[in-house]
Amino acid sequence: MKTILSIALIVSGLFILAGCPVSSTYPLGKKGDVKLDTRLIGTFSNTAEDVEANKVIIKKGSETNTYTVYVAEKGSSFMADGPDFTGWLAKLDDQTFLVLQQVIDDVEQETYYVYHIEMIKNGFTSSDISLKVNGTAAITSIEAYREEVKASMGMEGFLAGQIEWKKD
């Protein structure tokens, strides 16, 4: 049993070090607190290899300041349980993050993914975040998650795997 636990911890650590998307049972910010950015509405594609998705469709969500996000083309690194998400923005200092909540059979799950985003001409960039201080163990609430991200933001390697998304 100890061997299985050790292997699981090592594999989890490798995902964190490799900059894979951080999933948690808490979002980085409360749904709807940050105003919707209409520049994110549309179909976006990238040509990157070894990514979670190569094409996403983002629409205005049914709740205030939310998006519906559909992964139209999964990438080779896609690890979520399905292609449907509810999304919203979270802000920390002057940085913008996209929070995606897994949706399965029209039911929102308690699984969240977070990406740092930056708007560019004809699209946006997304980057995985790395929790550099206490790692995913620090995610015990929204507030604790935000503090961990704030503490990690200035550290080398905080952002990883930047992808440039172009609007189709």
C-alpha atoms as a PDB file:
ATOM      1  CA  MET A   1       0.000   0.000   0.000  1.00  0.00           C
ATOM      2  CA  LYS A   2       2.869   2.374   0.808  1.00  0.00           C
ATOM      3  CA  THR A   3       4.355   1.703  -2.628  1.00  0.00           C
ATOM      4  CA  ILE A   4       1.108   2.641  -4.402  1.00  0.00           C
ATOM      5  CA  LEU A   5       0.813   5.820  -2.342  1.00  0.00           C
ATOM      6  CA  SER A   6       4.444   6.726  -3.052  1.00  0.00           C
ATOM      7  CA  ILE A   7       3.981   6.200  -6.788  1.00  0.00           C
ATOM      8  CA  ALA A   8       0.799   8.297  -6.758  1.00  0.00           C
ATOM      9  CA  LEU A   9       2.604  11.131  -4.982  1.00  0.00           C
ATOM     10  CA  ILE A  10       5.526  11.003  -7.407  1.00  0.00           C
ATOM     11  CA  VAL A  11       3.222  11.057 -10.437  1.00  0.00           C
ATOM     12  CA  SER A  12       1.250  13.970  -8.945  1.00  0.00           C
ATOM     13  CA  GLY A  13       4.495  15.830  -8.342  1.00  0.00           C
ATOM     14  CA  LEU A  14       5.585  15.279 -11.934  1.00  0.00           C
ATOM     15  CA  PHE A  15       2.347  16.799 -13.204  1.00  0.00           C
ATOM     16  CA  ILE A  16       2.883  19.863 -11.025  1.00  0.00           C
ATOM     17  CA  LEU A  17       6.511  20.259 -12.120  1.00  0.00           C
ATOM     18  CA  ALA A  18       5.633  19.758 -15.775  1.00  0.00           C
ATOM     19  CA  GLY A  19       3.198  22.681 -15.617  1.00  0.00           C
ATOM     20  CA  CYS A  20       0.049  20.707 -16.292  1.00  0.00           C
ATOM     21  CA  PRO A  21      -3.159  22.524 -15.479  1.00  0.00           C
ATOM     22  CA  VAL A  22      -3.887  22.747 -11.794  1.00  0.00           C
ATOM     23  CA  SER A  23      -7.169  21.069 -10.916  1.00  0.00           C
ATOM     24  CA  SER A  24      -8.740  21.501  -7.533  1.00  0.00           C
ATOM     25  CA  THR A  25     -11.985  21.252  -5.647  1.00  0.00           C
ATOM     26  CA  TYR A  26     -11.983  25.039  -5.137  1.00  0.00           C
ATOM     27  CA  PRO A  27     -12.051  27.745  -7.817  1.00  0.00           C
ATOM     28  CA  LEU A  28      -9.550  30.624  -7.818  1.00  0.00           C
ATOM     29  CA  GLY A  29     -12.380  33.159  -7.618  1.00  0.00           C
ATOM     30  CA  LYS A  30     -16.109  33.255  -7.083  1.00  0.00           C
ATOM     31  CA  LYS A  31     -18.262  32.705 -10.133  1.00  0.00           C
ATOM     32  CA  GLY A  32     -19.488  35.966 -11.658  1.00  0.00           C
ATOM     33  CA  ASP A  33     -17.422  38.361  -9.506  1.00  0.00           C
ATOM     34  CA  VAL A  34     -15.373  39.651 -12.470  1.00  0.00           C
ATOM     35  CA  LYS A  35     -17.011  41.262 -15.476  1.00  0.00           C
ATOM     36  CA  LEU A  36     -17.268  39.173 -18.632  1.00  0.00           C
ATOM     37  CA  ASP A  37     -14.685  39.981 -21.324  1.00  0.00           C
ATOM     38  CA  THR A  38     -16.567  39.699 -24.618  1.00  0.00           C
ATOM     39  CA  ARG A  39     -13.282  39.332 -26.532  1.00  0.00           C
ATOM     40  CA  LEU A  40     -13.219  35.731 -25.231  1.00  0.00           C
ATOM     41  CA  ILE A  41     -16.493  34.869 -26.969  1.00  0.00           C
ATOM     42  CA  GLY A  42     -15.959  32.932 -30.182  1.00  0.00           C
ATOM     43  CA  THR A  43     -14.148  29.925 -31.597  1.00  0.00           C
ATOM     44  CA  PHE A  44     -10.407  29.786 -30.919  1.00  0.00           C
ATOM     45  CA  SER A  45      -7.751  27.424 -32.248  1.00  0.00           C
ATOM     46  CA  ASN A  46      -4.067  26.770 -31.762  1.00  0.00           C
ATOM     47  CA  THR A  47      -1.495  24.649 -33.567  1.00  0.00           C
ATOM     48  CA  ALA A  48       0.532  23.686 -30.499  1.00  0.00           C
ATOM     49  CA  GLU A  49       1.483  20.060 -29.857  1.00  0.00           C
ATOM     50  CA  ASP A  50       0.979  18.114 -26.624  1.00  0.00           C
ATOM     51  CA  VAL A  51      -1.750  20.418 -25.291  1.00  0.00           C
ATOM     52  CA  GLU A  52      -5.114  19.805 -23.630  1.00  0.00           C
ATOM     53  CA  ALA A  53      -7.118  21.329 -26.483  1.00  0.00           C
ATOM     54  CA  ASN A  54      -6.590  22.588 -30.015  1.00  0.00           C
ATOM     55  CA  LYS A  55     -10.016  24.179 -30.554  1.00  0.00           C
ATOM     56  CA  VAL A  56     -12.506  25.655 -28.092  1.00  0.00           C
ATOM     57  CA  ILE A  57     -15.878  27.308 -28.524  1.00  0.00           C
ATOM     58  CA  ILE A  58     -16.637  29.974 -25.919  1.00  0.00           C
ATOM     59  CA  LYS A  59     -20.137  31.450 -25.574  1.00  0.00           C
ATOM     60  CA  LYS A  60     -21.807  33.733 -23.066  1.00  0.00           C
ATOM     61  CA  GLY A  61     -23.005  31.622 -20.148  1.00  0.00           C
ATOM     62  CA  SER A  62     -26.479  31.482 -18.656  1.00  0.00           C
ATOM     63  CA  GLU A  63     -25.315  32.953 -15.336  1.00  0.00           C
ATOM     64  CA  THR A  64     -24.043  36.510 -14.887  1.00  0.00           C
ATOM     65  CA  ASN A  65     -20.435  37.001 -16.023  1.00  0.00           C
ATOM     66  CA  THR A  66     -19.927  33.375 -17.080  1.00  0.00           C
ATOM     67  CA  TYR A  67     -19.029  31.521 -20.242  1.00  0.00           C
ATOM     68  CA  THR A  68     -19.910  28.103 -21.577  1.00  0.00           C
ATOM     69  CA  VAL A  69     -16.755  26.473 -22.895  1.00  0.00           C
ATOM     70  CA  TYR A  70     -16.750  23.474 -25.196  1.00  0.00           C
ATOM     71  CA  VAL A  71     -13.554  21.669 -26.217  1.00  0.00           C
ATOM     72  CA  ALA A  72     -14.249  20.999 -29.905  1.00  0.00           C
ATOM     73  CA  GLU A  73     -10.850  19.412 -30.582  1.00  0.00           C
ATOM     74  CA  LYS A  74      -9.087  17.642 -27.738  1.00  0.00           C
ATOM     75  CA  GLY A  75      -5.308  17.655 -27.667  1.00  0.00           C
ATOM     76  CA  SER A  76      -3.038  14.751 -26.791  1.00  0.00           C
ATOM     77  CA  SER A  77      -2.763  15.978 -23.170  1.00  0.00           C
ATOM     78  CA  PHE A  78      -6.519  16.272 -22.530  1.00  0.00           C
ATOM     79  CA  MET A  79      -7.151  14.890 -19.039  1.00  0.00           C
ATOM     80  CA  ALA A  80     -10.557  16.285 -18.055  1.00  0.00           C
ATOM     81  CA  ASP A  81     -13.610  14.035 -17.709  1.00  0.00           C
ATOM     82  CA  GLY A  82     -15.455  15.647 -20.614  1.00  0.00           C
ATOM     83  CA  PRO A  83     -15.458  18.537 -23.095  1.00  0.00           C
ATOM     84  CA  ASP A  84     -17.939  20.845 -21.328  1.00  0.00           C
ATOM     85  CA  PHE A  85     -17.125  23.591 -18.820  1.00  0.00           C
ATOM     86  CA  THR A  86     -18.559  26.677 -17.208  1.00  0.00           C
ATOM     87  CA  GLY A  87     -15.974  29.439 -17.192  1.00  0.00           C
ATOM     88  CA  TRP A  88     -15.430  32.780 -15.508  1.00  0.00           C
ATOM     89  CA  LEU A  89     -12.648  35.249 -14.919  1.00  0.00           C
ATOM     90  CA  ALA A  90     -10.719  35.825 -11.707  1.00  0.00           C
ATOM     91  CA  LYS A  91      -8.359  38.742 -11.094  1.00  0.00           C
ATOM     92  CA  LEU A  92      -5.336  38.849  -8.811  1.00  0.00           C
ATOM     93  CA  ASP A  93      -3.361  42.071  -8.745  1.00  0.00           C
ATOM     94  CA  ASP A  94      -3.132  43.017 -12.438  1.00  0.00           C
ATOM     95  CA  GLN A  95      -3.302  39.419 -13.692  1.00  0.00           C
ATOM     96  CA  THR A  96      -6.305  37.678 -15.277  1.00  0.00           C
ATOM     97  CA  PHE A  97      -7.142  34.006 -14.838  1.00  0.00           C
ATOM     98  CA  LEU A  98      -9.757  31.850 -16.530  1.00  0.00           C
ATOM     99  CA  VAL A  99     -11.458  29.396 -14.179  1.00  0.00           C
ATOM    100  CA  LEU A 100     -13.087  26.379 -15.809  1.00  0.00           C
ATOM    101  CA  GLN A 101     -15.566  24.234 -13.899  1.00  0.00           C
ATOM    102  CA  GLN A 102     -16.103  20.727 -15.282  1.00  0.00           C
ATOM    103  CA  VAL A 103     -19.666  20.028 -16.463  1.00  0.00           C
ATOM    104  CA  ILE A 104     -20.801  16.431 -16.985  1.00  0.00           C
ATOM    105  CA  ASP A 105     -24.299  15.620 -18.261  1.00  0.00           C
ATOM    106  CA  ASP A 106     -25.335  19.252 -17.630  1.00  0.00           C
ATOM    107  CA  VAL A 107     -24.274  19.021 -13.961  1.00  0.00           C
ATOM    108  CA  GLU A 108     -21.469  21.257 -12.694  1.00  0.00           C
ATOM    109  CA  GLN A 109     -18.844  19.224 -10.867  1.00  0.00           C
ATOM    110  CA  GLU A 110     -16.576  20.331  -8.031  1.00  0.00           C
ATOM    111  CA  THR A 111     -13.530  20.124 -10.310  1.00  0.00           C
ATOM    112  CA  TYR A 112     -11.885  23.366 -11.384  1.00  0.00           C
ATOM    113  CA  TYR A 113      -9.008  24.179 -13.745  1.00  0.00           C
ATOM    114  CA  VAL A 114      -7.213  27.519 -13.828  1.00  0.00           C
ATOM    115  CA  TYR A 115      -5.258  29.201 -16.610  1.00  0.00           C
ATOM    116  CA  HIS A 116      -3.502  32.549 -16.700  1.00  0.00           C
ATOM    117  CA  ILE A 117      -4.731  34.451 -19.771  1.00  0.00           C
ATOM    118  CA  GLU A 118      -3.682  37.569 -21.604  1.00  0.00           C
ATOM    119  CA  MET A 119      -5.581  39.177 -24.463  1.00  0.00           C
ATOM    120  CA  ILE A 120      -3.631  39.700 -27.700  1.00  0.00           C
ATOM    121  CA  LYS A 121      -4.574  40.876 -31.180  1.00  0.00           C
ATOM    122  CA  ASN A 122      -7.008  38.353 -32.721  1.00  0.00           C
ATOM    123  CA  GLY A 123      -7.084  36.105 -29.652  1.00  0.00           C
ATOM    124  CA  PHE A 124      -5.440  35.395 -26.323  1.00  0.00           C
ATOM    125  CA  THR A 125      -2.633  33.446 -24.710  1.00  0.00           C
ATOM    126  CA  SER A 126      -3.175  30.893 -21.982  1.00  0.00           C
ATOM    127  CA  SER A 127      -0.584  29.494 -19.595  1.00  0.00           C
ATOM    128  CA  ASP A 128      -0.680  26.809 -16.954  1.00  0.00           C
ATOM    129  CA  ILE A 129       0.127  28.017 -13.455  1.00  0.00           C
ATOM    130  CA  SER A 130       2.501  26.365 -11.010  1.00  0.00           C
ATOM    131  CA  LEU A 131       1.923  26.623  -7.280  1.00  0.00           C
ATOM    132  CA  LYS A 132       5.470  27.208  -6.051  1.00  0.00           C
ATOM    133  CA  VAL A 133       5.129  27.712  -2.290  1.00  0.00           C
ATOM    134  CA  ASN A 134       2.957  24.972  -0.754  1.00  0.00           C
ATOM    135  CA  GLY A 135       1.601  23.377  -3.941  1.00  0.00           C
ATOM    136  CA  THR A 136      -1.882  21.965  -4.280  1.00  0.00           C
ATOM    137  CA  ALA A 137      -1.940  21.108  -0.554  1.00  0.00           C
ATOM    138  CA  ALA A 138      -2.486  24.844   0.042  1.00  0.00           C
ATOM    139  CA  ILE A 139      -5.855  24.796  -1.756  1.00  0.00           C
ATOM    140  CA  THR A 140      -8.208  24.472   1.194  1.00  0.00           C
ATOM    141  CA  SER A 141     -10.547  27.349   0.290  1.00  0.00           C
ATOM    142  CA  ILE A 142     -10.927  30.053  -2.364  1.00  0.00           C
ATOM    143  CA  GLU A 143      -9.051  32.501  -0.129  1.00  0.00           C
ATOM    144  CA  ALA A 144      -6.188  30.055   0.548  1.00  0.00           C
ATOM    145  CA  TYR A 145      -5.932  29.293  -3.178  1.00  0.00           C
ATOM    146  CA  ARG A 146      -5.704  33.007  -3.981  1.00  0.00           C
ATOM    147  CA  GLU A 147      -2.970  33.482  -1.367  1.00  0.00           C
ATOM    148  CA  GLU A 148      -0.964  30.555  -2.792  1.00  0.00           C
ATOM    149  CA  VAL A 149      -1.235  31.967  -6.321  1.00  0.00           C
ATOM    150  CA  LYS A 150      -0.255  35.470  -5.130  1.00  0.00           C
ATOM    151  CA  ALA A 151       2.785  34.033  -3.331  1.00  0.00           C
ATOM    152  CA  SER A 152       3.759  31.999  -6.412  1.00  0.00           C
ATOM    153  CA  MET A 153       3.239  34.729  -9.043  1.00  0.00           C
ATOM    154  CA  GLY A 154       6.631  36.358  -8.648  1.00  0.00           C
ATOM    155  CA  MET A 155       8.585  33.114  -8.674  1.00  0.00           C
ATOM    156  CA  GLU A 156      10.462  31.675 -11.624  1.00  0.00           C
ATOM    157  CA  GLY A 157       8.420  29.095 -13.500  1.00  0.00           C
ATOM    158  CA  PHE A 158       5.034  30.291 -12.214  1.00  0.00           C
ATOM    159  CA  LEU A 159       3.676  30.333 -15.769  1.00  0.00           C
ATOM    160  CA  ALA A 160       4.351  27.393 -18.069  1.00  0.00           C
ATOM    161  CA  GLY A 161       3.223  26.028 -21.412  1.00  0.00           C
ATOM    162  CA  GLN A 162       2.021  29.234 -23.005  1.00  0.00           C
ATOM    163  CA  ILE A 163      -0.405  28.669 -25.895  1.00  0.00           C
ATOM    164  CA  GLU A 164      -1.415  31.295 -28.429  1.00  0.00           C
ATOM    165  CA  TRP A 165      -5.088  31.033 -29.340  1.00  0.00           C
ATOM    166  CA  LYS A 166      -6.278  32.686 -32.562  1.00  0.00           C
ATOM    167  CA  LYS A 167      -9.905  33.563 -33.197  1.00  0.00           C
ATOM    168  CA  ASP A 168     -11.309  31.562 -36.131  1.00  0.00           C
END
